[in-house]
Amino acid sequence: EEAGGEFIIELEDSADPALLNLFPKVQLLIEEAVMTGEFTLLEKRVHQLAQSYNSLGDVTLDRNYVYLRLQNERGMLQRVISRGREEGRIKIGAGRVATDAEVG
């Protein structure tokens, strides 16, 4: 049998102001990688940028999404960012990831 279907993922995080300030900078790197396909450089760039904020950065991906976790002593920020392969646009989810049907 083929596995599949729609799922809703709920992420809990405890992002502090420093992580919330770091996120837009990391988001820019991720959007650039989505547009250029240069994912091999993304992990290194996120690690370096996170270190400059005394934080840890972890990026993983699959065919459809980029999974981001930023962490410091005070909190953690998690995001699932669509690679926009079908829609031609990038969707960012926090707390709850909407299905394509919900987004429209």
N, C-alpha and C. Protein backbone atom coordinates (compact mmCIF):
# COMPACT_ATOMS: atom_id res chain seq x y z
N GLU A 1 0.82 -1.19 0.00
CA GLU A 1 0.00 0.00 0.00
C GLU A 1 0.86 1.25 0.00
N GLU A 2 0.36 2.24 -0.63
CA GLU A 2 1.06 3.52 -0.65
C GLU A 2 0.66 4.34 0.55
N ALA A 3 1.65 4.85 1.26
CA ALA A 3 1.38 5.72 2.40
C ALA A 3 1.23 7.15 1.90
N GLY A 4 0.39 7.88 2.54
CA GLY A 4 0.24 9.27 2.14
C GLY A 4 -0.97 9.88 2.79
N GLY A 5 -1.24 11.10 2.44
CA GLY A 5 -2.37 11.80 3.00
C GLY A 5 -1.97 13.16 3.49
N GLU A 6 -2.95 13.88 3.99
CA GLU A 6 -2.68 15.21 4.53
C GLU A 6 -2.53 15.12 6.03
N PHE A 7 -1.57 15.84 6.54
CA PHE A 7 -1.30 15.85 7.97
C PHE A 7 -1.20 17.29 8.45
N ILE A 8 -1.53 17.50 9.70
CA ILE A 8 -1.34 18.80 10.33
C ILE A 8 -0.27 18.63 11.39
N ILE A 9 0.75 19.46 11.32
CA ILE A 9 1.85 19.41 12.27
C ILE A 9 1.74 20.63 13.17
N GLU A 10 1.73 20.41 14.45
CA GLU A 10 1.72 21.52 15.40
C GLU A 10 3.08 21.63 16.04
N LEU A 11 3.70 22.80 15.92
CA LEU A 11 5.01 23.04 16.50
C LEU A 11 4.86 23.92 17.72
N GLU A 12 5.55 23.55 18.76
CA GLU A 12 5.58 24.39 19.95
C GLU A 12 7.00 24.94 20.08
N ASP A 13 7.08 26.22 20.31
CA ASP A 13 8.40 26.79 20.56
C ASP A 13 8.30 27.84 21.65
N SER A 14 9.45 28.29 22.07
CA SER A 14 9.53 29.27 23.16
C SER A 14 10.54 30.34 22.77
N ALA A 15 10.34 30.90 21.59
CA ALA A 15 11.29 31.86 21.05
C ALA A 15 11.37 33.11 21.90
N ASP A 16 12.60 33.51 22.20
CA ASP A 16 12.83 34.76 22.93
C ASP A 16 13.08 35.88 21.92
N PRO A 17 13.20 37.13 22.36
CA PRO A 17 13.41 38.24 21.41
C PRO A 17 14.64 38.07 20.52
N ALA A 18 15.72 37.49 21.04
CA ALA A 18 16.92 37.31 20.22
C ALA A 18 16.65 36.36 19.06
N LEU A 19 15.94 35.27 19.32
CA LEU A 19 15.63 34.31 18.26
C LEU A 19 14.64 34.91 17.26
N LEU A 20 13.69 35.67 17.75
CA LEU A 20 12.74 36.33 16.85
C LEU A 20 13.44 37.36 15.97
N ASN A 21 14.49 37.98 16.47
CA ASN A 21 15.29 38.92 15.69
C ASN A 21 16.16 38.18 14.67
N LEU A 22 16.64 37.01 15.04
CA LEU A 22 17.48 36.20 14.15
C LEU A 22 16.67 35.60 13.01
N PHE A 23 15.44 35.22 13.26
CA PHE A 23 14.65 34.49 12.27
C PHE A 23 14.56 35.18 10.91
N PRO A 24 14.24 36.47 10.79
CA PRO A 24 14.15 37.08 9.46
C PRO A 24 15.45 36.99 8.66
N LYS A 25 16.57 37.03 9.35
CA LYS A 25 17.86 36.92 8.67
C LYS A 25 18.07 35.50 8.14
N VAL A 26 17.68 34.50 8.93
CA VAL A 26 17.77 33.11 8.49
C VAL A 26 16.75 32.85 7.39
N GLN A 27 15.58 33.44 7.53
CA GLN A 27 14.54 33.28 6.52
C GLN A 27 15.03 33.74 5.15
N LEU A 28 15.77 34.82 5.11
CA LEU A 28 16.33 35.31 3.86
C LEU A 28 17.26 34.28 3.23
N LEU A 29 18.10 33.64 4.05
CA LEU A 29 18.99 32.60 3.55
C LEU A 29 18.19 31.42 2.99
N ILE A 30 17.13 31.05 3.69
CA ILE A 30 16.30 29.93 3.24
C ILE A 30 15.59 30.27 1.94
N GLU A 31 15.03 31.46 1.85
CA GLU A 31 14.35 31.86 0.62
C GLU A 31 15.31 31.88 -0.56
N GLU A 32 16.53 32.34 -0.31
CA GLU A 32 17.54 32.34 -1.37
C GLU A 32 17.85 30.91 -1.82
N ALA A 33 17.99 29.99 -0.87
CA ALA A 33 18.27 28.60 -1.22
C ALA A 33 17.10 27.97 -1.98
N VAL A 34 15.87 28.30 -1.59
CA VAL A 34 14.70 27.78 -2.30
C VAL A 34 14.71 28.26 -3.75
N MET A 35 15.05 29.52 -3.96
CA MET A 35 15.05 30.08 -5.32
C MET A 35 16.21 29.59 -6.17
N THR A 36 17.39 29.41 -5.55
CA THR A 36 18.59 29.02 -6.32
C THR A 36 18.85 27.53 -6.31
N GLY A 37 18.28 26.82 -5.33
CA GLY A 37 18.55 25.39 -5.20
C GLY A 37 19.87 25.07 -4.52
N GLU A 38 20.55 26.07 -3.98
CA GLU A 38 21.86 25.86 -3.34
C GLU A 38 21.70 25.47 -1.87
N PHE A 39 21.11 24.31 -1.64
CA PHE A 39 20.87 23.86 -0.27
C PHE A 39 22.14 23.38 0.42
N THR A 40 23.16 23.01 -0.35
CA THR A 40 24.40 22.54 0.27
C THR A 40 25.08 23.65 1.06
N LEU A 41 24.89 24.89 0.67
CA LEU A 41 25.47 26.02 1.39
C LEU A 41 24.59 26.50 2.54
N LEU A 42 23.32 26.17 2.49
CA LEU A 42 22.36 26.69 3.47
C LEU A 42 22.70 26.30 4.89
N GLU A 43 22.98 25.04 5.13
CA GLU A 43 23.25 24.59 6.50
C GLU A 43 24.44 25.34 7.10
N LYS A 44 25.52 25.48 6.34
CA LYS A 44 26.70 26.18 6.83
C LYS A 44 26.38 27.64 7.14
N ARG A 45 25.65 28.29 6.25
CA ARG A 45 25.31 29.71 6.45
C ARG A 45 24.42 29.91 7.67
N VAL A 46 23.45 29.01 7.87
CA VAL A 46 22.56 29.12 9.03
C VAL A 46 23.35 28.90 10.31
N HIS A 47 24.25 27.90 10.32
CA HIS A 47 25.08 27.66 11.51
C HIS A 47 25.91 28.89 11.85
N GLN A 48 26.55 29.48 10.84
CA GLN A 48 27.40 30.65 11.08
C GLN A 48 26.60 31.83 11.59
N LEU A 49 25.46 32.09 10.98
CA LEU A 49 24.63 33.21 11.41
C LEU A 49 24.11 32.99 12.83
N ALA A 50 23.66 31.79 13.13
CA ALA A 50 23.16 31.49 14.47
C ALA A 50 24.27 31.66 15.51
N GLN A 51 25.47 31.22 15.19
CA GLN A 51 26.60 31.38 16.12
C GLN A 51 26.86 32.84 16.42
N SER A 52 26.69 33.70 15.44
CA SER A 52 26.91 35.13 15.67
C SER A 52 25.89 35.72 16.64
N TYR A 53 24.80 34.99 16.88
CA TYR A 53 23.77 35.39 17.85
C TYR A 53 23.84 34.51 19.10
N ASN A 54 24.97 33.84 19.30
CA ASN A 54 25.14 32.91 20.43
C ASN A 54 24.01 31.89 20.48
N SER A 55 23.66 31.36 19.33
CA SER A 55 22.57 30.40 19.20
C SER A 55 23.03 29.23 18.34
N LEU A 56 22.21 28.20 18.33
CA LEU A 56 22.43 27.05 17.47
C LEU A 56 21.37 27.07 16.38
N GLY A 57 21.77 26.68 15.18
CA GLY A 57 20.84 26.62 14.07
C GLY A 57 20.89 25.27 13.41
N ASP A 58 19.73 24.67 13.17
CA ASP A 58 19.65 23.36 12.54
C ASP A 58 18.64 23.44 11.40
N VAL A 59 19.06 22.99 10.22
CA VAL A 59 18.21 23.00 9.05
C VAL A 59 18.20 21.61 8.44
N THR A 60 17.01 21.09 8.18
CA THR A 60 16.86 19.86 7.42
C THR A 60 15.81 20.11 6.35
N LEU A 61 15.74 19.23 5.37
CA LEU A 61 14.76 19.44 4.33
C LEU A 61 14.33 18.12 3.72
N ASP A 62 13.20 18.17 3.08
CA ASP A 62 12.74 17.08 2.24
C ASP A 62 12.33 17.70 0.90
N ARG A 63 11.64 16.96 0.09
CA ARG A 63 11.29 17.49 -1.24
C ARG A 63 10.35 18.69 -1.21
N ASN A 64 9.61 18.84 -0.11
CA ASN A 64 8.60 19.89 -0.06
C ASN A 64 8.85 21.00 0.94
N TYR A 65 9.60 20.72 2.00
CA TYR A 65 9.74 21.68 3.10
C TYR A 65 11.17 21.81 3.59
N VAL A 66 11.45 22.98 4.17
CA VAL A 66 12.68 23.22 4.92
C VAL A 66 12.25 23.31 6.38
N TYR A 67 12.93 22.55 7.24
CA TYR A 67 12.62 22.52 8.67
C TYR A 67 13.72 23.25 9.42
N LEU A 68 13.35 24.27 10.17
CA LEU A 68 14.32 25.12 10.85
C LEU A 68 14.12 25.05 12.36
N ARG A 69 15.23 24.94 13.07
CA ARG A 69 15.21 25.04 14.53
C ARG A 69 16.35 25.96 14.94
N LEU A 70 16.01 27.03 15.65
CA LEU A 70 17.00 27.93 16.24
C LEU A 70 16.86 27.81 17.75
N GLN A 71 17.99 27.76 18.44
CA GLN A 71 17.94 27.54 19.88
C GLN A 71 19.05 28.31 20.58
N ASN A 72 18.72 28.87 21.74
CA ASN A 72 19.72 29.48 22.62
C ASN A 72 19.40 29.06 24.05
N GLU A 73 20.09 29.66 25.01
CA GLU A 73 19.89 29.28 26.42
C GLU A 73 18.49 29.60 26.92
N ARG A 74 17.81 30.54 26.27
CA ARG A 74 16.52 31.02 26.77
C ARG A 74 15.30 30.49 26.01
N GLY A 75 15.53 29.86 24.89
CA GLY A 75 14.37 29.40 24.15
C GLY A 75 14.69 28.70 22.85
N MET A 76 13.63 28.37 22.12
CA MET A 76 13.76 27.65 20.86
C MET A 76 12.69 28.15 19.89
N LEU A 77 13.08 28.30 18.64
CA LEU A 77 12.17 28.71 17.57
C LEU A 77 12.17 27.60 16.53
N GLN A 78 10.99 27.14 16.12
CA GLN A 78 10.88 26.11 15.09
C GLN A 78 9.94 26.60 13.99
N ARG A 79 10.32 26.36 12.76
CA ARG A 79 9.48 26.74 11.63
C ARG A 79 9.56 25.66 10.56
N VAL A 80 8.47 25.51 9.82
CA VAL A 80 8.42 24.66 8.64
C VAL A 80 8.13 25.59 7.48
N ILE A 81 9.02 25.62 6.51
CA ILE A 81 8.92 26.56 5.40
C ILE A 81 8.77 25.78 4.10
N SER A 82 7.69 26.03 3.39
CA SER A 82 7.43 25.33 2.14
C SER A 82 8.47 25.72 1.10
N ARG A 83 8.91 24.73 0.35
CA ARG A 83 9.83 25.01 -0.75
C ARG A 83 9.07 25.56 -1.96
N GLY A 84 7.74 25.61 -1.87
CA GLY A 84 6.93 26.24 -2.92
C GLY A 84 7.08 25.59 -4.27
N ARG A 85 7.35 24.30 -4.30
CA ARG A 85 7.61 23.61 -5.57
C ARG A 85 6.42 23.62 -6.51
N GLU A 86 5.22 23.51 -5.98
CA GLU A 86 4.05 23.45 -6.84
C GLU A 86 3.39 24.81 -7.03
N GLU A 87 3.39 25.60 -5.98
CA GLU A 87 2.65 26.85 -6.03
C GLU A 87 3.47 28.02 -6.55
N GLY A 88 4.79 27.90 -6.53
CA GLY A 88 5.62 29.01 -6.95
C GLY A 88 5.72 30.09 -5.90
N ARG A 89 5.32 29.76 -4.66
CA ARG A 89 5.43 30.75 -3.59
C ARG A 89 5.85 30.03 -2.32
N ILE A 90 6.32 30.78 -1.38
CA ILE A 90 6.83 30.23 -0.13
C ILE A 90 5.81 30.48 0.97
N LYS A 91 5.48 29.42 1.72
CA LYS A 91 4.58 29.54 2.86
C LYS A 91 5.38 29.25 4.12
N ILE A 92 5.18 30.03 5.14
CA ILE A 92 5.88 29.82 6.41
C ILE A 92 4.85 29.46 7.46
N GLY A 93 5.12 28.39 8.17
CA GLY A 93 4.19 27.95 9.19
C GLY A 93 4.82 28.03 10.57
N ALA A 94 4.04 28.46 11.52
CA ALA A 94 4.46 28.46 12.92
C ALA A 94 3.25 28.09 13.74
N GLY A 95 3.43 27.16 14.64
CA GLY A 95 2.32 26.74 15.47
C GLY A 95 1.47 25.70 14.79
N ARG A 96 1.00 25.96 13.59
CA ARG A 96 0.18 25.01 12.85
C ARG A 96 0.45 25.20 11.38
N VAL A 97 0.70 24.13 10.68
CA VAL A 97 0.96 24.20 9.26
C VAL A 97 -0.35 23.92 8.53
N ALA A 98 -0.78 24.85 7.72
CA ALA A 98 -2.04 24.71 6.98
C ALA A 98 -1.84 23.81 5.78
N THR A 99 -2.88 23.09 5.42
CA THR A 99 -2.83 22.28 4.21
C THR A 99 -3.00 23.19 3.01
N ASP A 100 -2.64 22.68 1.82
CA ASP A 100 -2.80 23.48 0.61
C ASP A 100 -4.26 23.87 0.41
N ALA A 101 -5.20 23.00 0.77
CA ALA A 101 -6.62 23.30 0.61
C ALA A 101 -7.03 24.48 1.48
N GLU A 102 -6.45 24.58 2.68
CA GLU A 102 -6.79 25.68 3.58
C GLU A 102 -6.21 27.00 3.10
N VAL A 103 -5.03 26.93 2.48
CA VAL A 103 -4.35 28.15 2.02
C VAL A 103 -5.05 28.69 0.77
N GLY A 104 -5.51 27.79 -0.08
CA GLY A 104 -6.26 28.20 -1.26
C GLY A 104 -5.39 28.34 -2.40
